[in-house]
Amino acid sequence: LKAVPQRFDVIERHAEALDDGLQAMREADEARKAEQAQQAVEQRSAQEALEAQHAERAQEVARRLETVEGELKEVPQRFEVLARHGEALDQRLEAMRVADEAWQAEQEQALERREAQALEQREAQEALEEQRADRAQELARNLEALDSRLQAMREAD
């Protein structure tokens, strides 16, 4: 019996230690639950932010898609405009080619006329030189005849 109070003391200390351990486990469990709740809140916030970001990106993609679709609808019209512009340029180019051919033909004709005129001038120049040479010979003959007459007159005097 003497040992009973001591055993009660040991049992009481052991029970107090168990109570302290149980209290520490409860506090640790509450801290863990609080941390899990905080992580769940942070995870939900991150998830919501990610979903908001995805929604924003989806809207941006939808806007871009609408823009691209609108531009794609304009492509046939743009090709028609470009085709008409190309046809107009082809017509201008053809007109310029025709005008260039006409100009070249005029230039060739003008060159031929100048060459013909130059030939005529050379022929006229040659004819004139021939006439001058003939006239010079004639004048020389006339001069000789006059000299002969003059000589004859001097001799007669």
C-alpha atoms as a PDB file:
ATOM      1  CA  LEU A   1       0.000   0.000   0.000  1.00  0.00           C
ATOM      2  CA  LYS A   2       2.861   2.339   0.678  1.00  0.00           C
ATOM      3  CA  ALA A   3       3.829   2.143  -2.926  1.00  0.00           C
ATOM      4  CA  VAL A   4       0.319   2.960  -4.148  1.00  0.00           C
ATOM      5  CA  PRO A   5       0.659   6.727  -3.663  1.00  0.00           C
ATOM      6  CA  GLN A   6       3.940   6.645  -5.485  1.00  0.00           C
ATOM      7  CA  ARG A   7       2.371   4.633  -8.252  1.00  0.00           C
ATOM      8  CA  PHE A   8      -0.476   7.118  -8.409  1.00  0.00           C
ATOM      9  CA  ASP A   9       2.128   9.860  -8.713  1.00  0.00           C
ATOM     10  CA  VAL A  10       3.823   7.988 -11.527  1.00  0.00           C
ATOM     11  CA  ILE A  11       0.442   7.305 -13.138  1.00  0.00           C
ATOM     12  CA  GLU A  12      -0.521  10.969 -12.663  1.00  0.00           C
ATOM     13  CA  ARG A  13       2.791  12.175 -14.189  1.00  0.00           C
ATOM     14  CA  HIS A  14       2.376   9.666 -16.990  1.00  0.00           C
ATOM     15  CA  ALA A  15      -1.236  10.865 -17.536  1.00  0.00           C
ATOM     16  CA  GLU A  16      -0.061  14.502 -17.468  1.00  0.00           C
ATOM     17  CA  ALA A  17       2.672  13.635 -19.998  1.00  0.00           C
ATOM     18  CA  LEU A  18       0.057  11.883 -22.119  1.00  0.00           C
ATOM     19  CA  ASP A  19      -2.245  14.927 -21.791  1.00  0.00           C
ATOM     20  CA  ASP A  20       0.683  17.211 -22.752  1.00  0.00           C
ATOM     21  CA  GLY A  21       1.528  14.951 -25.729  1.00  0.00           C
ATOM     22  CA  LEU A  22      -2.137  14.791 -26.725  1.00  0.00           C
ATOM     23  CA  GLN A  23      -2.394  18.609 -26.425  1.00  0.00           C
ATOM     24  CA  ALA A  24       0.781  18.994 -28.523  1.00  0.00           C
ATOM     25  CA  MET A  25      -0.675  16.597 -31.109  1.00  0.00           C
ATOM     26  CA  ARG A  26      -3.942  18.569 -31.157  1.00  0.00           C
ATOM     27  CA  GLU A  27      -2.041  21.842 -31.606  1.00  0.00           C
ATOM     28  CA  ALA A  28       0.117  20.304 -34.340  1.00  0.00           C
ATOM     29  CA  ASP A  29      -3.043  18.891 -35.976  1.00  0.00           C
ATOM     30  CA  GLU A  30      -4.748  22.300 -35.797  1.00  0.00           C
ATOM     31  CA  ALA A  31      -1.632  24.000 -37.202  1.00  0.00           C
ATOM     32  CA  ARG A  32      -1.492  21.403 -39.993  1.00  0.00           C
ATOM     33  CA  LYS A  33      -5.219  21.900 -40.708  1.00  0.00           C
ATOM     34  CA  ALA A  34      -4.768  25.691 -40.684  1.00  0.00           C
ATOM     35  CA  GLU A  35      -1.805  25.370 -43.056  1.00  0.00           C
ATOM     36  CA  GLN A  36      -3.793  23.022 -45.306  1.00  0.00           C
ATOM     37  CA  ALA A  37      -6.700  25.470 -45.271  1.00  0.00           C
ATOM     38  CA  GLN A  38      -4.293  28.321 -46.133  1.00  0.00           C
ATOM     39  CA  GLN A  39      -2.759  26.231 -48.941  1.00  0.00           C
ATOM     40  CA  ALA A  40      -6.247  25.368 -50.197  1.00  0.00           C
ATOM     41  CA  VAL A  41      -7.132  29.096 -50.222  1.00  0.00           C
ATOM     42  CA  GLU A  42      -3.879  29.923 -52.036  1.00  0.00           C
ATOM     43  CA  GLN A  43      -4.430  27.043 -54.453  1.00  0.00           C
ATOM     44  CA  ARG A  44      -7.993  28.212 -55.168  1.00  0.00           C
ATOM     45  CA  SER A  45      -6.720  31.786 -55.687  1.00  0.00           C
ATOM     46  CA  ALA A  46      -3.991  30.516 -58.018  1.00  0.00           C
ATOM     47  CA  GLN A  47      -6.531  28.344 -59.854  1.00  0.00           C
ATOM     48  CA  GLU A  48      -8.932  31.271 -60.191  1.00  0.00           C
ATOM     49  CA  ALA A  49      -6.121  33.513 -61.421  1.00  0.00           C
ATOM     50  CA  LEU A  50      -5.099  30.838 -63.927  1.00  0.00           C
ATOM     51  CA  GLU A  51      -8.694  30.418 -65.088  1.00  0.00           C
ATOM     52  CA  ALA A  52      -9.036  34.206 -65.432  1.00  0.00           C
ATOM     53  CA  GLN A  53      -5.802  34.263 -67.439  1.00  0.00           C
ATOM     54  CA  HIS A  54      -7.072  31.432 -69.660  1.00  0.00           C
ATOM     55  CA  ALA A  55     -10.381  33.266 -70.144  1.00  0.00           C
ATOM     56  CA  GLU A  56      -8.500  36.457 -71.053  1.00  0.00           C
ATOM     57  CA  ARG A  57      -6.315  34.560 -73.527  1.00  0.00           C
ATOM     58  CA  ALA A  58      -9.380  32.867 -74.987  1.00  0.00           C
ATOM     59  CA  GLN A  59     -11.016  36.277 -75.505  1.00  0.00           C
ATOM     60  CA  GLU A  60      -7.843  37.626 -77.113  1.00  0.00           C
ATOM     61  CA  VAL A  61      -7.641  34.595 -79.395  1.00  0.00           C
ATOM     62  CA  ALA A  62     -11.331  35.044 -80.267  1.00  0.00           C
ATOM     63  CA  ARG A  63     -10.720  38.734 -81.109  1.00  0.00           C
ATOM     64  CA  ARG A  64      -7.695  37.847 -83.222  1.00  0.00           C
ATOM     65  CA  LEU A  65      -9.649  35.118 -84.933  1.00  0.00           C
ATOM     66  CA  GLU A  66     -12.436  37.575 -85.762  1.00  0.00           C
ATOM     67  CA  THR A  67      -9.850  40.017 -87.130  1.00  0.00           C
ATOM     68  CA  VAL A  68      -8.214  37.317 -89.240  1.00  0.00           C
ATOM     69  CA  GLU A  69     -11.588  36.080 -90.480  1.00  0.00           C
ATOM     70  CA  GLY A  70     -12.520  39.652 -91.420  1.00  0.00           C
ATOM     71  CA  GLU A  71      -9.228  40.067 -93.268  1.00  0.00           C
ATOM     72  CA  LEU A  72      -9.691  36.714 -94.979  1.00  0.00           C
ATOM     73  CA  LYS A  73     -13.115  37.843 -96.178  1.00  0.00           C
ATOM     74  CA  GLU A  74     -11.423  40.887 -97.743  1.00  0.00           C
ATOM     75  CA  VAL A  75      -8.787  38.786 -99.540  1.00  0.00           C
ATOM     76  CA  PRO A  76     -10.926  37.985-102.625  1.00  0.00           C
ATOM     77  CA  GLN A  77     -11.828  41.665-102.980  1.00  0.00           C
ATOM     78  CA  ARG A  78      -8.180  42.618-102.625  1.00  0.00           C
ATOM     79  CA  PHE A  79      -7.245  40.085-105.280  1.00  0.00           C
ATOM     80  CA  GLU A  80      -9.907  41.550-107.572  1.00  0.00           C
ATOM     81  CA  VAL A  81      -8.526  45.044-106.990  1.00  0.00           C
ATOM     82  CA  LEU A  82      -4.998  43.785-107.599  1.00  0.00           C
ATOM     83  CA  ALA A  83      -6.159  41.960-110.727  1.00  0.00           C
ATOM     84  CA  ARG A  84      -7.821  45.117-112.083  1.00  0.00           C
ATOM     85  CA  HIS A  85      -4.735  47.132-111.186  1.00  0.00           C
ATOM     86  CA  GLY A  86      -2.565  44.506-112.908  1.00  0.00           C
ATOM     87  CA  GLU A  87      -4.749  44.646-116.015  1.00  0.00           C
ATOM     88  CA  ALA A  88      -4.541  48.441-116.044  1.00  0.00           C
ATOM     89  CA  LEU A  89      -0.753  48.210-115.700  1.00  0.00           C
ATOM     90  CA  ASP A  90      -0.645  45.647-118.515  1.00  0.00           C
ATOM     91  CA  GLN A  91      -2.671  48.005-120.719  1.00  0.00           C
ATOM     92  CA  ARG A  92      -0.378  50.912-119.866  1.00  0.00           C
ATOM     93  CA  LEU A  93       2.653  48.757-120.539  1.00  0.00           C
ATOM     94  CA  GLU A  94       1.212  47.676-123.888  1.00  0.00           C
ATOM     95  CA  ALA A  95       0.425  51.301-124.770  1.00  0.00           C
ATOM     96  CA  MET A  96       3.974  52.280-123.789  1.00  0.00           C
ATOM     97  CA  ARG A  97       5.376  49.404-125.877  1.00  0.00           C
ATOM     98  CA  VAL A  98       3.308  50.484-128.901  1.00  0.00           C
ATOM     99  CA  ALA A  99       4.339  54.120-128.383  1.00  0.00           C
ATOM    100  CA  ASP A 100       7.986  53.040-128.034  1.00  0.00           C
ATOM    101  CA  GLU A 101       7.772  51.003-131.244  1.00  0.00           C
ATOM    102  CA  ALA A 102       6.219  53.987-133.032  1.00  0.00           C
ATOM    103  CA  TRP A 103       8.938  56.280-131.663  1.00  0.00           C
ATOM    104  CA  GLN A 104      11.643  53.841-132.736  1.00  0.00           C
ATOM    105  CA  ALA A 105      10.089  53.623-136.204  1.00  0.00           C
ATOM    106  CA  GLU A 106      10.017  57.440-136.393  1.00  0.00           C
ATOM    107  CA  GLN A 107      13.638  57.572-135.268  1.00  0.00           C
ATOM    108  CA  GLU A 108      14.632  55.001-137.880  1.00  0.00           C
ATOM    109  CA  GLN A 109      12.747  56.952-140.570  1.00  0.00           C
ATOM    110  CA  ALA A 110      14.363  60.192-139.434  1.00  0.00           C
ATOM    111  CA  LEU A 111      17.772  58.495-139.522  1.00  0.00           C
ATOM    112  CA  GLU A 112      17.061  57.157-142.993  1.00  0.00           C
ATOM    113  CA  ARG A 113      15.966  60.659-144.096  1.00  0.00           C
ATOM    114  CA  ARG A 114      19.127  62.177-142.610  1.00  0.00           C
ATOM    115  CA  GLU A 115      21.256  59.527-144.290  1.00  0.00           C
ATOM    116  CA  ALA A 116      19.434  60.178-147.608  1.00  0.00           C
ATOM    117  CA  GLN A 117      19.912  63.929-147.164  1.00  0.00           C
ATOM    118  CA  ALA A 118      23.569  63.399-146.328  1.00  0.00           C
ATOM    119  CA  LEU A 119      23.950  61.229-149.435  1.00  0.00           C
ATOM    120  CA  GLU A 120      22.149  63.871-151.533  1.00  0.00           C
ATOM    121  CA  GLN A 121      24.374  66.569-150.048  1.00  0.00           C
ATOM    122  CA  ARG A 122      27.500  64.506-150.779  1.00  0.00           C
ATOM    123  CA  GLU A 123      26.296  63.890-154.324  1.00  0.00           C
ATOM    124  CA  ALA A 124      25.421  67.585-154.699  1.00  0.00           C
ATOM    125  CA  GLN A 125      28.796  68.509-153.216  1.00  0.00           C
ATOM    126  CA  GLU A 126      30.562  66.127-155.595  1.00  0.00           C
ATOM    127  CA  ALA A 127      28.529  67.499-158.524  1.00  0.00           C
ATOM    128  CA  LEU A 128      29.355  71.035-157.412  1.00  0.00           C
ATOM    129  CA  GLU A 129      33.026  70.156-157.088  1.00  0.00           C
ATOM    130  CA  GLU A 130      32.880  68.550-160.519  1.00  0.00           C
ATOM    131  CA  GLN A 131      31.214  71.692-161.894  1.00  0.00           C
ATOM    132  CA  ARG A 132      33.866  73.840-160.233  1.00  0.00           C
ATOM    133  CA  ALA A 133      36.608  71.628-161.598  1.00  0.00           C
ATOM    134  CA  ASP A 134      35.023  71.785-165.065  1.00  0.00           C
ATOM    135  CA  ARG A 135      34.597  75.552-164.737  1.00  0.00           C
ATOM    136  CA  ALA A 136      38.150  75.894-163.482  1.00  0.00           C
ATOM    137  CA  GLN A 137      39.365  73.922-166.503  1.00  0.00           C
ATOM    138  CA  GLU A 138      37.196  76.024-168.772  1.00  0.00           C
ATOM    139  CA  LEU A 139      38.477  79.205-167.150  1.00  0.00           C
ATOM    140  CA  ALA A 140      42.015  77.906-167.475  1.00  0.00           C
ATOM    141  CA  ARG A 141      41.408  77.185-171.173  1.00  0.00           C
ATOM    142  CA  ASN A 142      39.802  80.617-171.614  1.00  0.00           C
ATOM    143  CA  LEU A 143      42.704  82.179-169.777  1.00  0.00           C
ATOM    144  CA  GLU A 144      45.162  80.352-171.987  1.00  0.00           C
ATOM    145  CA  ALA A 145      43.195  81.438-175.042  1.00  0.00           C
ATOM    146  CA  LEU A 146      43.245  85.037-173.791  1.00  0.00           C
ATOM    147  CA  ASP A 147      46.929  84.757-173.029  1.00  0.00           C
ATOM    148  CA  SER A 148      47.497  83.414-176.532  1.00  0.00           C
ATOM    149  CA  ARG A 149      45.454  86.257-178.013  1.00  0.00           C
ATOM    150  CA  LEU A 150      47.216  88.779-175.865  1.00  0.00           C
ATOM    151  CA  GLN A 151      50.530  87.335-176.903  1.00  0.00           C
ATOM    152  CA  ALA A 152      49.450  87.440-180.545  1.00  0.00           C
ATOM    153  CA  MET A 153      48.310  91.048-180.124  1.00  0.00           C
ATOM    154  CA  ARG A 154      51.623  91.991-178.550  1.00  0.00           C
ATOM    155  CA  GLU A 155      53.483  90.335-181.288  1.00  0.00           C
ATOM    156  CA  ALA A 156      51.292  92.064-183.844  1.00  0.00           C
ATOM    157  CA  ASP A 157      51.931  95.411-182.224  1.00  0.00           C
END
